[in-house]
Amino acid sequence: FDPMFSKILADTVLLLHFAFVLFTVLGGIAVLFKRQVAWFHILAVLWSSVINLGGWICPLTPLENYFRTQAGLKGYEGGFVQHYIEPLVYPGGMPRNFELIAGISVILWNVLVYAFVLLYGKWRRSLHGR
């Protein structure tokens, strides 16, 4: 690949990865508007949780690193969350077992979101007499 094209591909994978993380964290809210989103969102939450709890690296990370090295840039060690998200959330350094914290947090947050979605749906139905 041309180095410039490889950089564009690396940045595209980075953006897709970030979009996936956002969807995993906030996608439950979309279920309020379109229930079919739940199927994709629950799979995303499960995937993210398994990756974090298992201490694995998402396949998008090596793909991004591959394109970065093809562009003549330096890749990074560890996973996407550790490289890009951790410094924002824990600028002074991460707690031990960050992957465990992230995996459990994603599950708990989404349980709360889905509980709200279900309660909100019941409330709306009771207002409309259904």
C-alpha atoms as a PDB file:
ATOM      1  CA  PHE A   1       0.000   0.000   0.000  1.00  0.00           C
ATOM      2  CA  ASP A   2       0.964   3.597  -0.499  1.00  0.00           C
ATOM      3  CA  PRO A   3       2.033   5.049   2.891  1.00  0.00           C
ATOM      4  CA  MET A   4      -0.575   7.821   2.707  1.00  0.00           C
ATOM      5  CA  PHE A   5      -3.320   5.305   1.871  1.00  0.00           C
ATOM      6  CA  SER A   6      -2.129   3.077   4.723  1.00  0.00           C
ATOM      7  CA  LYS A   7      -2.398   6.030   7.122  1.00  0.00           C
ATOM      8  CA  ILE A   8      -5.930   6.717   5.899  1.00  0.00           C
ATOM      9  CA  LEU A   9      -6.801   3.040   6.435  1.00  0.00           C
ATOM     10  CA  ALA A  10      -5.269   3.105   9.947  1.00  0.00           C
ATOM     11  CA  ASP A  11      -7.243   6.242  10.826  1.00  0.00           C
ATOM     12  CA  THR A  12     -10.416   4.687   9.390  1.00  0.00           C
ATOM     13  CA  VAL A  13      -9.964   1.588  11.552  1.00  0.00           C
ATOM     14  CA  LEU A  14      -9.330   3.879  14.543  1.00  0.00           C
ATOM     15  CA  LEU A  15     -12.573   5.776  13.879  1.00  0.00           C
ATOM     16  CA  LEU A  16     -14.535   2.537  13.411  1.00  0.00           C
ATOM     17  CA  HIS A  17     -13.093   1.192  16.641  1.00  0.00           C
ATOM     18  CA  PHE A  18     -14.009   4.376  18.509  1.00  0.00           C
ATOM     19  CA  ALA A  19     -17.526   4.308  17.002  1.00  0.00           C
ATOM     20  CA  PHE A  20     -17.901   0.704  18.171  1.00  0.00           C
ATOM     21  CA  VAL A  21     -16.862   1.661  21.712  1.00  0.00           C
ATOM     22  CA  LEU A  22     -19.349   4.558  21.708  1.00  0.00           C
ATOM     23  CA  PHE A  23     -22.086   2.277  20.387  1.00  0.00           C
ATOM     24  CA  THR A  24     -21.283  -0.265  23.101  1.00  0.00           C
ATOM     25  CA  VAL A  25     -21.524   2.352  25.840  1.00  0.00           C
ATOM     26  CA  LEU A  26     -24.371   4.513  24.499  1.00  0.00           C
ATOM     27  CA  GLY A  27     -26.196   2.277  22.022  1.00  0.00           C
ATOM     28  CA  GLY A  28     -28.792   1.212  24.563  1.00  0.00           C
ATOM     29  CA  ILE A  29     -30.242   4.708  24.356  1.00  0.00           C
ATOM     30  CA  ALA A  30     -30.962   4.128  20.643  1.00  0.00           C
ATOM     31  CA  VAL A  31     -33.228   1.252  21.695  1.00  0.00           C
ATOM     32  CA  LEU A  32     -35.650   3.884  23.008  1.00  0.00           C
ATOM     33  CA  PHE A  33     -36.213   4.973  19.410  1.00  0.00           C
ATOM     34  CA  LYS A  34     -35.676   1.754  17.460  1.00  0.00           C
ATOM     35  CA  ARG A  35     -36.077  -1.536  19.330  1.00  0.00           C
ATOM     36  CA  GLN A  36     -34.374  -3.574  16.579  1.00  0.00           C
ATOM     37  CA  VAL A  37     -31.085  -1.900  17.514  1.00  0.00           C
ATOM     38  CA  ALA A  38     -31.113  -3.988  20.700  1.00  0.00           C
ATOM     39  CA  TRP A  39     -30.025  -7.131  18.844  1.00  0.00           C
ATOM     40  CA  PHE A  40     -26.892  -5.456  17.482  1.00  0.00           C
ATOM     41  CA  HIS A  41     -26.235  -3.567  20.683  1.00  0.00           C
ATOM     42  CA  ILE A  42     -26.464  -6.608  22.960  1.00  0.00           C
ATOM     43  CA  LEU A  43     -24.009  -8.451  20.695  1.00  0.00           C
ATOM     44  CA  ALA A  44     -21.649  -5.447  20.833  1.00  0.00           C
ATOM     45  CA  VAL A  45     -21.870  -5.350  24.636  1.00  0.00           C
ATOM     46  CA  LEU A  46     -21.197  -9.080  24.874  1.00  0.00           C
ATOM     47  CA  TRP A  47     -18.237  -8.860  22.476  1.00  0.00           C
ATOM     48  CA  SER A  48     -16.743  -5.874  24.305  1.00  0.00           C
ATOM     49  CA  SER A  49     -17.210  -7.496  27.692  1.00  0.00           C
ATOM     50  CA  VAL A  50     -15.684 -10.799  26.603  1.00  0.00           C
ATOM     51  CA  ILE A  51     -12.677  -8.999  25.096  1.00  0.00           C
ATOM     52  CA  ASN A  52     -12.158  -6.933  28.256  1.00  0.00           C
ATOM     53  CA  LEU A  53     -12.857  -9.645  30.799  1.00  0.00           C
ATOM     54  CA  GLY A  54     -10.727 -12.149  28.902  1.00  0.00           C
ATOM     55  CA  GLY A  55      -7.845  -9.665  28.667  1.00  0.00           C
ATOM     56  CA  TRP A  56      -7.823 -10.144  24.896  1.00  0.00           C
ATOM     57  CA  ILE A  57      -7.016  -7.699  22.139  1.00  0.00           C
ATOM     58  CA  CYS A  58      -9.793  -6.781  19.722  1.00  0.00           C
ATOM     59  CA  PRO A  59      -8.874  -7.777  16.140  1.00  0.00           C
ATOM     60  CA  LEU A  60      -9.251  -4.141  15.061  1.00  0.00           C
ATOM     61  CA  THR A  61      -6.176  -3.185  17.110  1.00  0.00           C
ATOM     62  CA  PRO A  62      -3.662  -5.346  15.180  1.00  0.00           C
ATOM     63  CA  LEU A  63      -5.330  -4.215  11.942  1.00  0.00           C
ATOM     64  CA  GLU A  64      -4.845  -0.564  12.883  1.00  0.00           C
ATOM     65  CA  ASN A  65      -1.236  -1.250  13.934  1.00  0.00           C
ATOM     66  CA  TYR A  66      -0.586  -3.092  10.660  1.00  0.00           C
ATOM     67  CA  PHE A  67      -1.735  -0.109   8.604  1.00  0.00           C
ATOM     68  CA  ARG A  68       0.232   2.287  10.834  1.00  0.00           C
ATOM     69  CA  THR A  69       3.464   0.342  10.294  1.00  0.00           C
ATOM     70  CA  GLN A  70       2.734   0.157   6.544  1.00  0.00           C
ATOM     71  CA  ALA A  71       2.483   3.963   6.630  1.00  0.00           C
ATOM     72  CA  GLY A  72       5.883   4.154   8.320  1.00  0.00           C
ATOM     73  CA  LEU A  73       4.368   5.070  11.681  1.00  0.00           C
ATOM     74  CA  LYS A  74       4.818   3.415  15.029  1.00  0.00           C
ATOM     75  CA  GLY A  75       2.133   1.032  16.297  1.00  0.00           C
ATOM     76  CA  TYR A  76       1.302   0.648  19.962  1.00  0.00           C
ATOM     77  CA  GLU A  77       1.325  -2.084  22.577  1.00  0.00           C
ATOM     78  CA  GLY A  78      -1.809  -3.277  24.335  1.00  0.00           C
ATOM     79  CA  GLY A  79      -5.370  -2.705  23.263  1.00  0.00           C
ATOM     80  CA  PHE A  80      -7.383   0.186  21.913  1.00  0.00           C
ATOM     81  CA  VAL A  81      -8.963   1.034  25.268  1.00  0.00           C
ATOM     82  CA  GLN A  82      -5.607   0.977  27.062  1.00  0.00           C
ATOM     83  CA  HIS A  83      -3.975   3.157  24.417  1.00  0.00           C
ATOM     84  CA  TYR A  84      -6.679   5.726  23.663  1.00  0.00           C
ATOM     85  CA  ILE A  85      -9.323   5.661  26.409  1.00  0.00           C
ATOM     86  CA  GLU A  86      -7.343   4.915  29.568  1.00  0.00           C
ATOM     87  CA  PRO A  87      -5.245   8.105  29.437  1.00  0.00           C
ATOM     88  CA  LEU A  88      -8.471  10.142  29.198  1.00  0.00           C
ATOM     89  CA  VAL A  89     -10.220   8.337  32.049  1.00  0.00           C
ATOM     90  CA  TYR A  90      -7.160   7.785  34.259  1.00  0.00           C
ATOM     91  CA  PRO A  91      -4.577  10.458  33.345  1.00  0.00           C
ATOM     92  CA  GLY A  92      -2.505   9.688  36.450  1.00  0.00           C
ATOM     93  CA  GLY A  93      -2.238   6.017  35.611  1.00  0.00           C
ATOM     94  CA  MET A  94      -4.686   3.170  35.450  1.00  0.00           C
ATOM     95  CA  PRO A  95      -5.758   1.006  38.320  1.00  0.00           C
ATOM     96  CA  ARG A  96      -4.706  -2.616  38.263  1.00  0.00           C
ATOM     97  CA  ASN A  97      -6.930  -4.899  36.212  1.00  0.00           C
ATOM     98  CA  PHE A  98      -8.388  -2.082  34.109  1.00  0.00           C
ATOM     99  CA  GLU A  99      -9.759  -4.619  31.632  1.00  0.00           C
ATOM    100  CA  LEU A 100     -11.796  -6.230  34.407  1.00  0.00           C
ATOM    101  CA  ILE A 101     -13.138  -2.847  35.507  1.00  0.00           C
ATOM    102  CA  ALA A 102     -13.989  -1.914  31.910  1.00  0.00           C
ATOM    103  CA  GLY A 103     -15.720  -5.226  31.191  1.00  0.00           C
ATOM    104  CA  ILE A 104     -17.858  -5.143  34.325  1.00  0.00           C
ATOM    105  CA  SER A 105     -18.612  -1.425  33.892  1.00  0.00           C
ATOM    106  CA  VAL A 106     -19.901  -1.961  30.354  1.00  0.00           C
ATOM    107  CA  ILE A 107     -22.207  -4.734  31.532  1.00  0.00           C
ATOM    108  CA  LEU A 108     -23.513  -2.834  34.579  1.00  0.00           C
ATOM    109  CA  TRP A 109     -24.023   0.404  32.665  1.00  0.00           C
ATOM    110  CA  ASN A 110     -26.002  -1.364  29.967  1.00  0.00           C
ATOM    111  CA  VAL A 111     -28.118  -3.263  32.505  1.00  0.00           C
ATOM    112  CA  LEU A 112     -29.085   0.149  33.913  1.00  0.00           C
ATOM    113  CA  VAL A 113     -29.791   1.550  30.446  1.00  0.00           C
ATOM    114  CA  TYR A 114     -31.976  -1.425  29.481  1.00  0.00           C
ATOM    115  CA  ALA A 115     -33.819  -1.248  32.811  1.00  0.00           C
ATOM    116  CA  PHE A 116     -34.576   2.389  32.036  1.00  0.00           C
ATOM    117  CA  VAL A 117     -35.644   1.513  28.472  1.00  0.00           C
ATOM    118  CA  LEU A 118     -38.031  -1.160  29.771  1.00  0.00           C
ATOM    119  CA  LEU A 119     -39.482   1.103  32.476  1.00  0.00           C
ATOM    120  CA  TYR A 120     -39.829   3.973  30.019  1.00  0.00           C
ATOM    121  CA  GLY A 121     -41.615   1.669  27.557  1.00  0.00           C
ATOM    122  CA  LYS A 122     -44.052   0.523  30.249  1.00  0.00           C
ATOM    123  CA  TRP A 123     -44.669   4.113  31.293  1.00  0.00           C
ATOM    124  CA  ARG A 124     -45.359   5.194  27.695  1.00  0.00           C
ATOM    125  CA  ARG A 125     -47.735   2.275  27.150  1.00  0.00           C
ATOM    126  CA  SER A 126     -49.625   3.097  30.349  1.00  0.00           C
ATOM    127  CA  LEU A 127     -50.019   6.729  29.205  1.00  0.00           C
ATOM    128  CA  HIS A 128     -51.481   5.596  25.892  1.00  0.00           C
ATOM    129  CA  GLY A 129     -53.714   2.950  27.483  1.00  0.00           C
ATOM    130  CA  ARG A 130     -52.070  -0.074  25.843  1.00  0.00           C
END
